[in-house]
Protein backbone atom coordinates (compact mmCIF):
# COMPACT_ATOMS: atom_id res chain seq x y z
CA MET A 1 -32.60 43.92 47.65
CA ARG A 2 -31.26 40.98 50.27
CA HIS A 3 -33.33 38.31 48.44
CA TRP A 4 -31.77 39.42 44.90
CA LEU A 5 -28.30 39.65 46.43
CA ALA A 6 -28.95 36.08 48.08
CA ILE A 7 -30.12 34.44 44.40
CA LEU A 8 -27.06 36.14 42.61
CA ILE A 9 -24.89 34.36 45.25
CA PHE A 10 -26.12 31.49 44.98
CA PHE A 11 -26.28 31.00 41.23
CA SER A 12 -22.57 32.45 41.16
CA ALA A 13 -21.45 29.87 43.32
CA ALA A 14 -23.25 26.91 42.04
CA THR A 15 -21.75 27.58 38.33
CA SER A 16 -18.30 27.82 40.00
CA VAL A 17 -18.47 24.86 41.93
CA SER A 18 -20.33 22.68 39.74
CA ALA A 19 -18.10 20.24 37.73
CA GLN A 20 -17.47 20.86 33.66
CA ARG A 21 -16.43 18.32 31.30
CA HIS A 22 -13.41 16.92 32.52
CA GLY A 23 -13.09 19.32 35.46
CA ARG A 24 -10.36 21.90 35.56
CA ALA A 25 -7.43 22.06 33.22
CA ASP A 26 -5.27 20.35 35.87
CA ALA A 27 -7.63 17.91 36.73
CA ILE A 28 -6.62 14.28 37.17
CA GLN A 29 -8.44 12.93 34.27
CA ASN A 30 -6.75 14.73 31.80
CA TYR A 31 -3.35 12.86 32.69
CA VAL A 32 -4.23 9.63 33.79
CA GLY A 33 -5.72 6.81 31.17
CA ARG A 34 -5.38 8.86 27.74
CA ARG A 35 -3.13 7.07 25.27
CA PRO A 36 -2.06 8.49 22.12
CA PRO A 37 -3.94 7.04 18.94
CA VAL A 38 -2.35 4.75 16.84
CA LEU A 39 -2.64 5.30 13.23
CA LEU A 40 -4.08 2.44 11.05
CA LEU A 41 -1.77 0.82 8.43
CA GLN A 42 -3.40 1.04 5.02
CA ILE A 43 -2.99 -1.54 2.15
CA LYS A 44 -4.36 -0.20 -1.33
CA VAL A 45 -4.59 -2.87 -4.16
CA GLY A 46 -6.18 -1.15 -7.02
CA LYS A 47 -9.45 0.65 -5.97
CA ASN A 48 -9.70 -1.62 -2.65
CA ARG A 49 -8.44 -0.47 0.62
CA THR A 50 -8.02 -2.52 3.62
CA TYR A 51 -6.88 -1.35 7.12
CA PHE A 52 -5.04 -2.98 9.77
CA ARG A 53 -4.20 -2.42 13.71
CA THR A 54 -1.22 -3.77 15.30
CA ALA A 55 -3.22 -6.45 17.12
CA ASP A 56 -4.57 -7.71 13.63
CA LEU A 57 -1.00 -8.16 12.65
CA LYS A 58 -0.46 -10.12 15.51
CA LYS A 59 -2.74 -12.58 14.29
CA VAL A 60 -1.22 -13.22 11.08
CA GLN A 61 1.61 -15.53 10.35
CA ARG A 62 4.65 -13.83 11.22
CA SER A 63 7.91 -13.53 9.27
CA VAL A 64 11.45 -12.40 10.54
CA ALA A 65 14.14 -10.46 8.88
CA SER A 66 17.66 -9.56 10.21
CA VAL A 67 19.75 -6.79 8.75
CA ALA A 68 22.95 -5.49 9.67
CA ASP A 69 23.09 -1.97 10.57
CA PRO A 70 25.93 -0.47 7.71
CA ILE A 71 27.46 2.24 10.08
CA THR A 72 27.49 0.25 13.48
CA GLY A 73 27.48 -3.13 12.04
CA ILE A 74 24.80 -4.35 14.72
CA THR A 75 22.41 -6.87 13.67
CA HIS A 76 18.63 -5.99 13.97
CA LYS A 77 15.89 -8.43 14.27
CA TYR A 78 12.71 -7.29 12.65
CA GLU A 79 9.50 -9.28 13.08
CA GLY A 80 6.33 -8.49 11.26
CA VAL A 81 4.11 -9.50 8.29
CA ASP A 82 4.59 -10.27 4.58
CA VAL A 83 2.55 -7.73 2.79
CA GLU A 84 1.42 -10.83 0.59
CA ALA A 85 -0.37 -12.31 3.90
CA LEU A 86 -2.19 -8.70 3.73
CA ILE A 87 -3.71 -8.52 0.32
CA PRO A 88 -7.37 -9.85 0.55
CA ASN A 89 -8.06 -13.28 -1.13
CA GLY A 90 -9.26 -12.48 -4.66
CA VAL A 91 -8.17 -8.83 -4.86
CA SER A 92 -5.18 -9.41 -6.91
CA ASP A 93 -3.88 -12.79 -8.42
CA SER A 94 -1.36 -11.20 -10.68
CA LYS A 95 1.96 -9.34 -9.34
CA SER A 96 2.02 -5.57 -9.19
CA GLY A 97 4.12 -3.28 -11.46
CA THR A 98 4.71 -0.72 -8.89
CA ILE A 99 4.98 -0.16 -5.02
CA LYS A 100 4.23 2.70 -3.50
CA VAL A 101 5.15 3.58 0.15
CA SER A 102 4.27 6.41 2.19
CA PHE A 103 6.11 6.96 5.21
CA GLY A 104 7.60 9.18 7.55
CA SER A 105 6.63 12.98 7.53
CA ARG A 106 4.95 13.20 3.92
CA GLU A 107 7.54 10.91 2.41
CA HIS A 108 6.86 8.51 -0.74
CA LEU A 109 8.91 6.13 -2.07
CA ALA A 110 7.77 4.20 -5.68
CA VAL A 111 9.50 1.08 -6.67
CA ALA A 112 9.04 -0.83 -9.56
CA GLU A 113 8.68 -4.62 -8.40
CA THR A 114 11.47 -5.24 -11.33
CA ASP A 115 13.79 -3.27 -9.12
CA LEU A 116 13.26 -5.55 -5.88
CA ASP A 117 14.80 -8.78 -5.06
CA PRO A 118 12.72 -11.82 -6.46
CA GLY A 119 13.61 -14.02 -3.55
CA SER A 120 12.61 -11.77 -0.72
CA LYS A 121 9.22 -10.37 0.41
CA ILE A 122 8.10 -6.88 1.39
CA LEU A 123 7.86 -7.09 5.22
CA VAL A 124 5.57 -4.53 7.58
CA ALA A 125 7.73 -4.78 10.66
CA ASP A 126 5.92 -3.98 13.93
CA THR A 127 8.69 -5.44 16.42
CA VAL A 128 12.66 -4.40 16.32
CA ASP A 129 14.90 -6.57 18.48
CA GLY A 130 11.94 -7.90 20.39
CA LYS A 131 10.51 -4.48 21.26
CA ALA A 132 7.27 -3.11 20.01
CA ILE A 133 7.82 0.02 17.87
CA ASN A 134 6.09 2.93 19.99
CA GLY A 135 4.59 6.00 18.71
CA TYR A 136 1.72 7.54 16.52
CA VAL A 137 3.00 5.01 13.75
CA PRO A 138 4.13 2.05 14.56
CA TYR A 139 5.01 0.33 11.47
CA ASP A 140 8.02 -0.20 9.70
CA CYS A 141 8.73 -1.44 5.87
CA LEU A 142 11.89 -3.42 4.50
CA LEU A 143 12.42 -3.52 0.78
CA LYS A 144 15.38 -5.65 -0.44
CA THR A 145 16.72 -4.46 -3.82
CA ARG A 146 18.41 -6.40 -6.26
CA GLN A 147 21.82 -5.10 -5.17
CA ASP A 148 21.66 -6.65 -2.12
CA LYS A 149 20.57 -3.37 -0.13
CA THR A 150 17.71 -3.15 2.52
CA ALA A 151 15.61 -0.36 2.81
CA ILE A 152 13.83 0.47 5.89
CA LEU A 153 11.44 2.81 5.75
CA GLU A 154 10.15 3.81 9.13
CA ASN A 155 6.60 5.15 10.32
CA VAL A 156 4.63 3.40 7.24
CA ARG A 157 1.17 4.77 6.71
CA LEU A 158 0.21 3.36 3.33
CA ILE A 159 1.16 0.58 1.02
CA ASP A 160 0.15 1.08 -2.32
CA LEU A 161 0.35 -2.14 -4.84
CA GLU A 162 -0.07 -0.78 -8.41
CA SER A 163 -0.74 -3.28 -11.44
CA SER A 164 0.92 -2.63 -14.30
CA PRO A 165 -0.86 -1.99 -17.46
């Protein structure tokens, strides 16, 4: 009887002492060294999809746009990459008919290219006023219309360039 009691105590102590995956729920591994995941930026041209990380955008030629806040009057400097620089060579030589942007929390905006200012480019910004945009989706998109209004779309996940038929 003592033999069985000793074996029972041995196995119950061994299972409670041995480490489980990541230890206890309040273990230090659960709080240190984990970063939130960052969503990739997706550029879609026709059936071709290309994905970019923030580090990938830093390697491409940068552009800067200054936009004044209509409420406060403060000018903010957005730094990023033109969408044209992100389109792979040979995928599309013609201009697109419609630009669809998925941003925010399941929001979508479709803009005909004829509604955009022909002298401006679509900018995917990852820096505002010299500080990196943080969060799960660290990309903003700036679109300038023919009426000299700049739309700033935050948390951009997808830019879809559809060709006109």
